[in-house]
All heavy atoms as atom14 arrays in JSON, in Angstrom:
{
  "sequence": "IERINHDGLPVIVIEPYIIAMEDNDLKGKTLKAAHIAESIINTLAPL",
  "atom14_mask": [
    [1, 1, 1, 1, 1, 1, 1, 1, 0, 0, 0, 0, 0, 0],
    [1, 1, 1, 1, 1, 1, 1, 1, 1, 0, 0, 0, 0, 0],
    [1, 1, 1, 1, 1, 1, 1, 1, 1, 1, 1, 0, 0, 0],
    [1, 1, 1, 1, 1, 1, 1, 1, 0, 0, 0, 0, 0, 0],
    [1, 1, 1, 1, 1, 1, 1, 1, 0, 0, 0, 0, 0, 0],
    [1, 1, 1, 1, 1, 1, 1, 1, 1, 1, 0, 0, 0, 0],
    [1, 1, 1, 1, 1, 1, 1, 1, 0, 0, 0, 0, 0, 0],
    [1, 1, 1, 1, 0, 0, 0, 0, 0, 0, 0, 0, 0, 0],
    [1, 1, 1, 1, 1, 1, 1, 1, 0, 0, 0, 0, 0, 0],
    [1, 1, 1, 1, 1, 1, 1, 0, 0, 0, 0, 0, 0, 0],
    [1, 1, 1, 1, 1, 1, 1, 0, 0, 0, 0, 0, 0, 0],
    [1, 1, 1, 1, 1, 1, 1, 1, 0, 0, 0, 0, 0, 0],
    [1, 1, 1, 1, 1, 1, 1, 0, 0, 0, 0, 0, 0, 0],
    [1, 1, 1, 1, 1, 1, 1, 1, 0, 0, 0, 0, 0, 0],
    [1, 1, 1, 1, 1, 1, 1, 1, 1, 0, 0, 0, 0, 0],
    [1, 1, 1, 1, 1, 1, 1, 0, 0, 0, 0, 0, 0, 0],
    [1, 1, 1, 1, 1, 1, 1, 1, 1, 1, 1, 1, 0, 0],
    [1, 1, 1, 1, 1, 1, 1, 1, 0, 0, 0, 0, 0, 0],
    [1, 1, 1, 1, 1, 1, 1, 1, 0, 0, 0, 0, 0, 0],
    [1, 1, 1, 1, 1, 0, 0, 0, 0, 0, 0, 0, 0, 0],
    [1, 1, 1, 1, 1, 1, 1, 1, 0, 0, 0, 0, 0, 0],
    [1, 1, 1, 1, 1, 1, 1, 1, 1, 0, 0, 0, 0, 0],
    [1, 1, 1, 1, 1, 1, 1, 1, 0, 0, 0, 0, 0, 0],
    [1, 1, 1, 1, 1, 1, 1, 1, 0, 0, 0, 0, 0, 0],
    [1, 1, 1, 1, 1, 1, 1, 1, 0, 0, 0, 0, 0, 0],
    [1, 1, 1, 1, 1, 1, 1, 1, 0, 0, 0, 0, 0, 0],
    [1, 1, 1, 1, 1, 1, 1, 1, 1, 0, 0, 0, 0, 0],
    [1, 1, 1, 1, 0, 0, 0, 0, 0, 0, 0, 0, 0, 0],
    [1, 1, 1, 1, 1, 1, 1, 1, 1, 0, 0, 0, 0, 0],
    [1, 1, 1, 1, 1, 1, 1, 0, 0, 0, 0, 0, 0, 0],
    [1, 1, 1, 1, 1, 1, 1, 1, 0, 0, 0, 0, 0, 0],
    [1, 1, 1, 1, 1, 1, 1, 1, 1, 0, 0, 0, 0, 0],
    [1, 1, 1, 1, 1, 0, 0, 0, 0, 0, 0, 0, 0, 0],
    [1, 1, 1, 1, 1, 0, 0, 0, 0, 0, 0, 0, 0, 0],
    [1, 1, 1, 1, 1, 1, 1, 1, 1, 1, 0, 0, 0, 0],
    [1, 1, 1, 1, 1, 1, 1, 1, 0, 0, 0, 0, 0, 0],
    [1, 1, 1, 1, 1, 0, 0, 0, 0, 0, 0, 0, 0, 0],
    [1, 1, 1, 1, 1, 1, 1, 1, 1, 0, 0, 0, 0, 0],
    [1, 1, 1, 1, 1, 1, 0, 0, 0, 0, 0, 0, 0, 0],
    [1, 1, 1, 1, 1, 1, 1, 1, 0, 0, 0, 0, 0, 0],
    [1, 1, 1, 1, 1, 1, 1, 1, 0, 0, 0, 0, 0, 0],
    [1, 1, 1, 1, 1, 1, 1, 1, 0, 0, 0, 0, 0, 0],
    [1, 1, 1, 1, 1, 1, 1, 0, 0, 0, 0, 0, 0, 0],
    [1, 1, 1, 1, 1, 1, 1, 1, 0, 0, 0, 0, 0, 0],
    [1, 1, 1, 1, 1, 0, 0, 0, 0, 0, 0, 0, 0, 0],
    [1, 1, 1, 1, 1, 1, 1, 0, 0, 0, 0, 0, 0, 0],
    [1, 1, 1, 1, 1, 1, 1, 1, 0, 0, 0, 0, 0, 0]
  ],
  "atom14_positions": [
    [[107.92, 107.51, 88.82], [106.51, 106.83, 88.74], [106.72, 105.5, 88.06], [106.14, 104.47, 88.5], [105.57, 107.71, 87.9], [105.31, 109.06, 88.76], [104.26, 107.04, 87.75], [104.55, 110.02, 87.96], [0.0, 0.0, 0.0], [0.0, 0.0, 0.0], [0.0, 0.0, 0.0], [0.0, 0.0, 0.0], [0.0, 0.0, 0.0], [0.0, 0.0, 0.0]],
    [[107.51, 105.4, 87.0], [107.78, 104.13, 86.39], [108.45, 103.17, 87.22], [108.1, 101.96, 87.24], [108.71, 104.35, 85.09], [109.08, 103.08, 84.4], [107.96, 102.34, 83.73], [106.94, 102.93, 83.58], [108.11, 101.1, 83.59], [0.0, 0.0, 0.0], [0.0, 0.0, 0.0], [0.0, 0.0, 0.0], [0.0, 0.0, 0.0], [0.0, 0.0, 0.0]],
    [[109.37, 103.58, 88.05], [110.09, 102.7, 88.99], [109.11, 102.2, 90.08], [109.19, 100.91, 90.43], [111.2, 103.45, 89.61], [112.22, 102.64, 90.48], [113.32, 103.47, 90.94], [114.27, 102.74, 91.73], [115.34, 103.21, 92.39], [115.59, 104.53, 92.17], [116.08, 102.49, 93.14], [0.0, 0.0, 0.0], [0.0, 0.0, 0.0], [0.0, 0.0, 0.0]],
    [[108.24, 102.95, 90.6], [107.24, 102.53, 91.55], [106.34, 101.52, 90.94], [105.97, 100.43, 91.54], [106.42, 103.79, 92.03], [107.36, 104.65, 92.9], [105.15, 103.32, 92.78], [106.63, 106.02, 93.18], [0.0, 0.0, 0.0], [0.0, 0.0, 0.0], [0.0, 0.0, 0.0], [0.0, 0.0, 0.0], [0.0, 0.0, 0.0], [0.0, 0.0, 0.0]],
    [[105.88, 101.78, 89.69], [104.94, 100.79, 89.03], [105.64, 99.49, 88.65], [105.09, 98.41, 88.86], [104.34, 101.44, 87.85], [103.41, 102.63, 88.11], [102.9, 102.77, 89.14], [103.22, 103.42, 87.15], [0.0, 0.0, 0.0], [0.0, 0.0, 0.0], [0.0, 0.0, 0.0], [0.0, 0.0, 0.0], [0.0, 0.0, 0.0], [0.0, 0.0, 0.0]],
    [[106.93, 99.63, 88.18], [107.59, 98.38, 87.81], [107.88, 97.53, 88.98], [107.81, 96.29, 88.79], [108.96, 98.77, 87.13], [109.78, 97.7, 86.64], [110.74, 97.12, 87.41], [109.8, 97.01, 85.4], [111.31, 96.14, 86.77], [110.69, 96.09, 85.57], [0.0, 0.0, 0.0], [0.0, 0.0, 0.0], [0.0, 0.0, 0.0], [0.0, 0.0, 0.0]],
    [[108.18, 98.13, 90.17], [108.55, 97.32, 91.35], [107.33, 97.0, 92.13], [107.42, 96.14, 93.07], [109.5, 98.06, 92.24], [110.89, 98.35, 91.59], [111.18, 97.73, 90.56], [111.67, 99.12, 92.17], [0.0, 0.0, 0.0], [0.0, 0.0, 0.0], [0.0, 0.0, 0.0], [0.0, 0.0, 0.0], [0.0, 0.0, 0.0], [0.0, 0.0, 0.0]],
    [[106.12, 97.36, 91.63], [104.91, 96.99, 92.41], [104.83, 97.53, 93.79], [104.25, 96.8, 94.65], [0.0, 0.0, 0.0], [0.0, 0.0, 0.0], [0.0, 0.0, 0.0], [0.0, 0.0, 0.0], [0.0, 0.0, 0.0], [0.0, 0.0, 0.0], [0.0, 0.0, 0.0], [0.0, 0.0, 0.0], [0.0, 0.0, 0.0], [0.0, 0.0, 0.0]],
    [[105.35, 98.71, 94.06], [105.44, 99.23, 95.45], [104.13, 99.8, 95.86], [103.42, 100.41, 94.98], [106.51, 100.34, 95.46], [107.93, 99.87, 95.12], [108.89, 101.05, 95.12], [108.41, 98.82, 96.21], [0.0, 0.0, 0.0], [0.0, 0.0, 0.0], [0.0, 0.0, 0.0], [0.0, 0.0, 0.0], [0.0, 0.0, 0.0], [0.0, 0.0, 0.0]],
    [[103.7, 99.7, 97.02], [102.38, 100.21, 97.53], [102.57, 101.67, 97.81], [102.31, 102.19, 98.91], [102.23, 99.39, 98.87], [103.59, 99.12, 99.36], [104.49, 98.98, 98.21], [0.0, 0.0, 0.0], [0.0, 0.0, 0.0], [0.0, 0.0, 0.0], [0.0, 0.0, 0.0], [0.0, 0.0, 0.0], [0.0, 0.0, 0.0], [0.0, 0.0, 0.0]],
    [[103.0, 102.4, 96.86], [103.13, 103.81, 96.91], [102.11, 104.62, 95.97], [102.07, 104.26, 94.75], [104.52, 104.34, 96.55], [104.61, 105.88, 96.6], [105.56, 103.72, 97.45], [0.0, 0.0, 0.0], [0.0, 0.0, 0.0], [0.0, 0.0, 0.0], [0.0, 0.0, 0.0], [0.0, 0.0, 0.0], [0.0, 0.0, 0.0], [0.0, 0.0, 0.0]],
    [[101.2, 105.36, 96.54], [100.26, 106.06, 95.71], [100.78, 107.43, 95.43], [101.1, 108.25, 96.3], [98.83, 106.2, 96.45], [98.26, 104.79, 96.78], [97.91, 106.99, 95.7], [97.04, 104.74, 97.48], [0.0, 0.0, 0.0], [0.0, 0.0, 0.0], [0.0, 0.0, 0.0], [0.0, 0.0, 0.0], [0.0, 0.0, 0.0], [0.0, 0.0, 0.0]],
    [[100.88, 107.76, 94.17], [101.36, 109.12, 93.75], [100.2, 110.05, 93.49], [99.15, 109.76, 92.82], [102.12, 108.92, 92.37], [102.65, 110.3, 91.83], [103.29, 108.06, 92.54], [0.0, 0.0, 0.0], [0.0, 0.0, 0.0], [0.0, 0.0, 0.0], [0.0, 0.0, 0.0], [0.0, 0.0, 0.0], [0.0, 0.0, 0.0], [0.0, 0.0, 0.0]],
    [[100.26, 111.28, 94.1], [99.2, 112.27, 94.09], [99.86, 113.49, 93.33], [100.82, 113.99, 93.77], [98.83, 112.63, 95.45], [98.29, 111.44, 96.13], [97.66, 113.7, 95.38], [98.3, 111.56, 97.7], [0.0, 0.0, 0.0], [0.0, 0.0, 0.0], [0.0, 0.0, 0.0], [0.0, 0.0, 0.0], [0.0, 0.0, 0.0], [0.0, 0.0, 0.0]],
    [[99.18, 113.87, 92.21], [99.73, 114.97, 91.46], [98.59, 115.95, 91.18], [97.72, 115.73, 90.28], [100.3, 114.55, 90.08], [101.52, 113.54, 90.22], [102.05, 113.15, 88.95], [101.5, 112.23, 88.32], [102.99, 113.77, 88.45], [0.0, 0.0, 0.0], [0.0, 0.0, 0.0], [0.0, 0.0, 0.0], [0.0, 0.0, 0.0], [0.0, 0.0, 0.0]],
    [[98.45, 117.04, 91.85], [97.5, 118.07, 91.63], [97.7, 118.59, 90.19], [98.78, 118.8, 89.75], [97.8, 119.15, 92.69], [98.59, 118.44, 93.75], [99.35, 117.37, 93.0], [0.0, 0.0, 0.0], [0.0, 0.0, 0.0], [0.0, 0.0, 0.0], [0.0, 0.0, 0.0], [0.0, 0.0, 0.0], [0.0, 0.0, 0.0], [0.0, 0.0, 0.0]],
    [[96.62, 118.93, 89.53], [96.65, 119.53, 88.16], [97.15, 121.0, 88.32], [96.63, 121.7, 89.25], [95.31, 119.46, 87.48], [94.94, 118.13, 86.96], [94.27, 117.22, 87.66], [95.56, 117.74, 85.74], [94.01, 115.95, 87.08], [95.37, 116.46, 85.15], [94.63, 115.55, 85.9], [94.24, 114.32, 85.37], [0.0, 0.0, 0.0], [0.0, 0.0, 0.0]],
    [[98.08, 121.31, 87.53], [98.77, 122.66, 87.65], [98.63, 123.51, 86.43], [99.27, 124.55, 86.26], [100.28, 122.49, 87.97], [100.9, 121.51, 86.94], [100.47, 121.93, 89.43], [102.28, 121.76, 86.55], [0.0, 0.0, 0.0], [0.0, 0.0, 0.0], [0.0, 0.0, 0.0], [0.0, 0.0, 0.0], [0.0, 0.0, 0.0], [0.0, 0.0, 0.0]],
    [[97.68, 123.13, 85.54], [97.48, 123.94, 84.3], [96.97, 125.32, 84.67], [96.02, 125.5, 85.54], [96.38, 123.17, 83.43], [96.89, 121.85, 82.99], [96.02, 124.09, 82.22], [95.88, 121.0, 82.13], [0.0, 0.0, 0.0], [0.0, 0.0, 0.0], [0.0, 0.0, 0.0], [0.0, 0.0, 0.0], [0.0, 0.0, 0.0], [0.0, 0.0, 0.0]],
    [[97.52, 126.26, 84.1], [97.24, 127.74, 84.34], [97.58, 128.16, 85.8], [97.23, 129.21, 86.21], [95.79, 127.96, 84.07], [0.0, 0.0, 0.0], [0.0, 0.0, 0.0], [0.0, 0.0, 0.0], [0.0, 0.0, 0.0], [0.0, 0.0, 0.0], [0.0, 0.0, 0.0], [0.0, 0.0, 0.0], [0.0, 0.0, 0.0], [0.0, 0.0, 0.0]],
    [[98.39, 127.38, 86.44], [98.84, 127.79, 87.86], [99.87, 129.01, 87.78], [100.77, 128.88, 86.99], [99.43, 126.58, 88.53], [99.93, 126.98, 89.96], [100.58, 125.52, 90.86], [102.18, 125.43, 90.19], [0.0, 0.0, 0.0], [0.0, 0.0, 0.0], [0.0, 0.0, 0.0], [0.0, 0.0, 0.0], [0.0, 0.0, 0.0], [0.0, 0.0, 0.0]],
    [[99.62, 129.98, 88.56], [100.58, 131.15, 88.7], [100.75, 131.43, 90.2], [100.08, 130.84, 91.02], [99.9, 132.36, 87.99], [99.92, 132.17, 86.46], [101.23, 132.2, 85.83], [102.24, 132.52, 86.46], [101.28, 131.93, 84.6], [0.0, 0.0, 0.0], [0.0, 0.0, 0.0], [0.0, 0.0, 0.0], [0.0, 0.0, 0.0], [0.0, 0.0, 0.0]],
    [[101.76, 132.27, 90.49], [102.01, 132.53, 91.9], [101.15, 133.67, 92.51], [101.36, 134.02, 93.63], [103.48, 132.82, 92.15], [104.03, 133.95, 91.34], [103.2, 134.59, 90.64], [105.19, 134.27, 91.46], [0.0, 0.0, 0.0], [0.0, 0.0, 0.0], [0.0, 0.0, 0.0], [0.0, 0.0, 0.0], [0.0, 0.0, 0.0], [0.0, 0.0, 0.0]],
    [[100.25, 134.24, 91.66], [99.34, 135.27, 92.19], [98.11, 135.2, 91.31], [98.08, 134.71, 90.23], [99.93, 136.65, 92.26], [100.22, 137.25, 90.91], [99.4, 137.53, 90.15], [101.59, 137.36, 90.61], [0.0, 0.0, 0.0], [0.0, 0.0, 0.0], [0.0, 0.0, 0.0], [0.0, 0.0, 0.0], [0.0, 0.0, 0.0], [0.0, 0.0, 0.0]],
    [[97.0, 135.66, 91.89], [95.7, 135.6, 91.31], [95.51, 136.52, 90.15], [94.43, 136.52, 89.43], [94.51, 135.68, 92.31], [94.54, 134.45, 93.21], [94.56, 133.38, 92.73], [94.39, 134.69, 94.48], [0.0, 0.0, 0.0], [0.0, 0.0, 0.0], [0.0, 0.0, 0.0], [0.0, 0.0, 0.0], [0.0, 0.0, 0.0], [0.0, 0.0, 0.0]],
    [[96.48, 137.48, 90.02], [96.32, 138.45, 88.94], [96.74, 137.84, 87.58], [96.2, 138.22, 86.51], [97.22, 139.74, 89.23], [96.85, 140.52, 90.45], [97.84, 141.68, 90.61], [95.38, 141.13, 90.21], [0.0, 0.0, 0.0], [0.0, 0.0, 0.0], [0.0, 0.0, 0.0], [0.0, 0.0, 0.0], [0.0, 0.0, 0.0], [0.0, 0.0, 0.0]],
    [[97.69, 136.97, 87.6], [98.21, 136.33, 86.36], [97.55, 135.0, 86.03], [97.57, 134.58, 84.88], [99.75, 136.08, 86.51], [100.58, 137.36, 86.7], [102.12, 137.07, 86.62], [102.57, 136.36, 87.81], [103.99, 136.09, 87.78], [0.0, 0.0, 0.0], [0.0, 0.0, 0.0], [0.0, 0.0, 0.0], [0.0, 0.0, 0.0], [0.0, 0.0, 0.0]],
    [[96.92, 134.44, 87.07], [96.21, 133.11, 86.71], [95.64, 132.55, 88.09], [95.36, 133.35, 89.08], [0.0, 0.0, 0.0], [0.0, 0.0, 0.0], [0.0, 0.0, 0.0], [0.0, 0.0, 0.0], [0.0, 0.0, 0.0], [0.0, 0.0, 0.0], [0.0, 0.0, 0.0], [0.0, 0.0, 0.0], [0.0, 0.0, 0.0], [0.0, 0.0, 0.0]],
    [[95.45, 131.29, 88.15], [94.97, 130.67, 89.33], [96.02, 130.11, 90.2], [97.02, 129.43, 89.74], [94.14, 129.47, 88.93], [92.8, 129.94, 88.28], [91.86, 130.68, 89.18], [90.51, 131.01, 88.51], [89.62, 131.75, 89.36], [0.0, 0.0, 0.0], [0.0, 0.0, 0.0], [0.0, 0.0, 0.0], [0.0, 0.0, 0.0], [0.0, 0.0, 0.0]],
    [[96.07, 130.46, 91.5], [97.04, 130.01, 92.45], [96.64, 128.61, 92.94], [95.43, 128.34, 93.11], [97.3, 130.93, 93.57], [95.97, 131.15, 94.3], [97.85, 132.21, 93.17], [0.0, 0.0, 0.0], [0.0, 0.0, 0.0], [0.0, 0.0, 0.0], [0.0, 0.0, 0.0], [0.0, 0.0, 0.0], [0.0, 0.0, 0.0], [0.0, 0.0, 0.0]],
    [[97.61, 127.79, 93.25], [97.31, 126.44, 93.94], [97.35, 126.65, 95.38], [98.4, 126.96, 95.95], [98.3, 125.46, 93.46], [98.15, 124.06, 93.87], [96.97, 123.48, 93.17], [99.38, 123.07, 93.63], [0.0, 0.0, 0.0], [0.0, 0.0, 0.0], [0.0, 0.0, 0.0], [0.0, 0.0, 0.0], [0.0, 0.0, 0.0], [0.0, 0.0, 0.0]],
    [[96.14, 126.52, 96.06], [96.01, 126.71, 97.49], [95.89, 125.4, 98.15], [95.79, 124.34, 97.63], [94.76, 127.6, 97.72], [94.79, 128.97, 97.15], [93.52, 129.77, 97.52], [93.65, 131.18, 97.07], [93.81, 131.4, 95.65], [0.0, 0.0, 0.0], [0.0, 0.0, 0.0], [0.0, 0.0, 0.0], [0.0, 0.0, 0.0], [0.0, 0.0, 0.0]],
    [[96.1, 125.42, 99.46], [96.03, 124.24, 100.31], [94.76, 123.47, 100.14], [94.8, 122.32, 100.15], [96.26, 124.65, 101.85], [0.0, 0.0, 0.0], [0.0, 0.0, 0.0], [0.0, 0.0, 0.0], [0.0, 0.0, 0.0], [0.0, 0.0, 0.0], [0.0, 0.0, 0.0], [0.0, 0.0, 0.0], [0.0, 0.0, 0.0], [0.0, 0.0, 0.0]],
    [[93.67, 124.15, 100.01], [92.41, 123.55, 99.83], [92.38, 122.76, 98.52], [91.74, 121.6, 98.46], [91.27, 124.55, 99.8], [0.0, 0.0, 0.0], [0.0, 0.0, 0.0], [0.0, 0.0, 0.0], [0.0, 0.0, 0.0], [0.0, 0.0, 0.0], [0.0, 0.0, 0.0], [0.0, 0.0, 0.0], [0.0, 0.0, 0.0], [0.0, 0.0, 0.0]],
    [[93.1, 123.24, 97.47], [93.09, 122.44, 96.21], [93.96, 121.24, 96.35], [93.64, 120.16, 95.83], [93.78, 123.39, 95.1], [92.9, 124.61, 94.92], [93.47, 125.8, 94.53], [91.59, 124.8, 94.92], [92.51, 126.73, 94.46], [91.39, 126.2, 94.62], [0.0, 0.0, 0.0], [0.0, 0.0, 0.0], [0.0, 0.0, 0.0], [0.0, 0.0, 0.0]],
    [[95.05, 121.31, 97.12], [95.97, 120.18, 97.31], [95.16, 119.09, 98.15], [95.22, 117.89, 97.89], [97.27, 120.57, 98.12], [98.01, 121.51, 97.19], [98.05, 119.41, 98.54], [99.21, 122.19, 97.85], [0.0, 0.0, 0.0], [0.0, 0.0, 0.0], [0.0, 0.0, 0.0], [0.0, 0.0, 0.0], [0.0, 0.0, 0.0], [0.0, 0.0, 0.0]],
    [[94.41, 119.57, 99.2], [93.64, 118.59, 99.96], [92.57, 117.95, 99.05], [92.39, 116.71, 99.22], [92.94, 119.39, 101.13], [0.0, 0.0, 0.0], [0.0, 0.0, 0.0], [0.0, 0.0, 0.0], [0.0, 0.0, 0.0], [0.0, 0.0, 0.0], [0.0, 0.0, 0.0], [0.0, 0.0, 0.0], [0.0, 0.0, 0.0], [0.0, 0.0, 0.0]],
    [[91.93, 118.68, 98.23], [90.98, 118.11, 97.35], [91.68, 117.08, 96.46], [90.99, 116.0, 96.08], [90.27, 119.19, 96.48], [89.29, 118.74, 95.49], [88.62, 119.78, 94.72], [88.99, 120.99, 95.02], [87.78, 119.57, 93.79], [0.0, 0.0, 0.0], [0.0, 0.0, 0.0], [0.0, 0.0, 0.0], [0.0, 0.0, 0.0], [0.0, 0.0, 0.0]],
    [[92.79, 117.28, 95.89], [93.44, 116.41, 94.98], [93.8, 115.11, 95.72], [93.65, 113.99, 95.23], [94.75, 117.01, 94.47], [95.47, 116.08, 93.65], [0.0, 0.0, 0.0], [0.0, 0.0, 0.0], [0.0, 0.0, 0.0], [0.0, 0.0, 0.0], [0.0, 0.0, 0.0], [0.0, 0.0, 0.0], [0.0, 0.0, 0.0], [0.0, 0.0, 0.0]],
    [[94.3, 115.18, 97.04], [94.63, 113.96, 97.78], [93.3, 113.14, 98.06], [93.34, 111.94, 97.93], [95.27, 114.39, 99.11], [96.64, 115.1, 98.87], [95.44, 113.19, 100.05], [97.21, 115.74, 100.07], [0.0, 0.0, 0.0], [0.0, 0.0, 0.0], [0.0, 0.0, 0.0], [0.0, 0.0, 0.0], [0.0, 0.0, 0.0], [0.0, 0.0, 0.0]],
    [[92.31, 113.86, 98.38], [90.97, 113.11, 98.69], [90.45, 112.41, 97.48], [90.06, 111.22, 97.47], [89.95, 114.06, 99.3], [90.43, 114.57, 100.67], [88.58, 113.36, 99.43], [89.61, 115.67, 101.2], [0.0, 0.0, 0.0], [0.0, 0.0, 0.0], [0.0, 0.0, 0.0], [0.0, 0.0, 0.0], [0.0, 0.0, 0.0], [0.0, 0.0, 0.0]],
    [[90.53, 113.11, 96.27], [90.06, 112.55, 95.09], [90.84, 111.35, 94.6], [90.37, 110.43, 94.03], [90.02, 113.58, 93.93], [88.86, 114.58, 94.14], [87.82, 114.26, 94.69], [89.02, 115.81, 93.58], [0.0, 0.0, 0.0], [0.0, 0.0, 0.0], [0.0, 0.0, 0.0], [0.0, 0.0, 0.0], [0.0, 0.0, 0.0], [0.0, 0.0, 0.0]],
    [[92.12, 111.34, 94.9], [93.0, 110.28, 94.52], [92.84, 109.07, 95.43], [92.78, 107.91, 94.94], [94.48, 110.71, 94.69], [94.74, 111.9, 93.76], [95.41, 109.58, 94.15], [0.0, 0.0, 0.0], [0.0, 0.0, 0.0], [0.0, 0.0, 0.0], [0.0, 0.0, 0.0], [0.0, 0.0, 0.0], [0.0, 0.0, 0.0], [0.0, 0.0, 0.0]],
    [[92.73, 109.29, 96.81], [92.61, 108.13, 97.71], [91.19, 107.64, 97.87], [91.0, 106.45, 98.2], [93.22, 108.53, 99.08], [94.75, 109.1, 99.08], [95.14, 109.35, 100.49], [95.61, 107.95, 98.48], [0.0, 0.0, 0.0], [0.0, 0.0, 0.0], [0.0, 0.0, 0.0], [0.0, 0.0, 0.0], [0.0, 0.0, 0.0], [0.0, 0.0, 0.0]],
    [[90.21, 108.55, 97.77], [88.88, 108.14, 97.98], [87.9, 108.74, 96.9], [87.24, 109.65, 97.16], [88.36, 108.58, 99.4], [0.0, 0.0, 0.0], [0.0, 0.0, 0.0], [0.0, 0.0, 0.0], [0.0, 0.0, 0.0], [0.0, 0.0, 0.0], [0.0, 0.0, 0.0], [0.0, 0.0, 0.0], [0.0, 0.0, 0.0], [0.0, 0.0, 0.0]],
    [[88.09, 108.2, 95.66], [87.43, 108.93, 94.55], [85.93, 108.83, 94.61], [85.18, 109.68, 93.92], [87.94, 108.09, 93.36], [88.39, 106.74, 93.91], [88.9, 107.07, 95.29], [0.0, 0.0, 0.0], [0.0, 0.0, 0.0], [0.0, 0.0, 0.0], [0.0, 0.0, 0.0], [0.0, 0.0, 0.0], [0.0, 0.0, 0.0], [0.0, 0.0, 0.0]],
    [[85.3, 107.99, 95.44], [83.94, 107.87, 95.53], [83.28, 108.85, 96.58], [82.11, 109.09, 96.64], [83.47, 106.43, 95.89], [83.89, 105.39, 94.82], [83.39, 104.02, 95.3], [83.35, 105.65, 93.46], [0.0, 0.0, 0.0], [0.0, 0.0, 0.0], [0.0, 0.0, 0.0], [0.0, 0.0, 0.0], [0.0, 0.0, 0.0], [0.0, 0.0, 0.0]]
  ]
}
């Protein structure tokens, strides 16, 4: 990320929040495709 910012590259980094993420819903919250899609939309079109 530092290299992208330092070089001024037109690359948008998308990082879904993974706090409390687990691989099944019994231990915590799973990260599903819908959550990833939401993260991409919020990053690229926040309004």
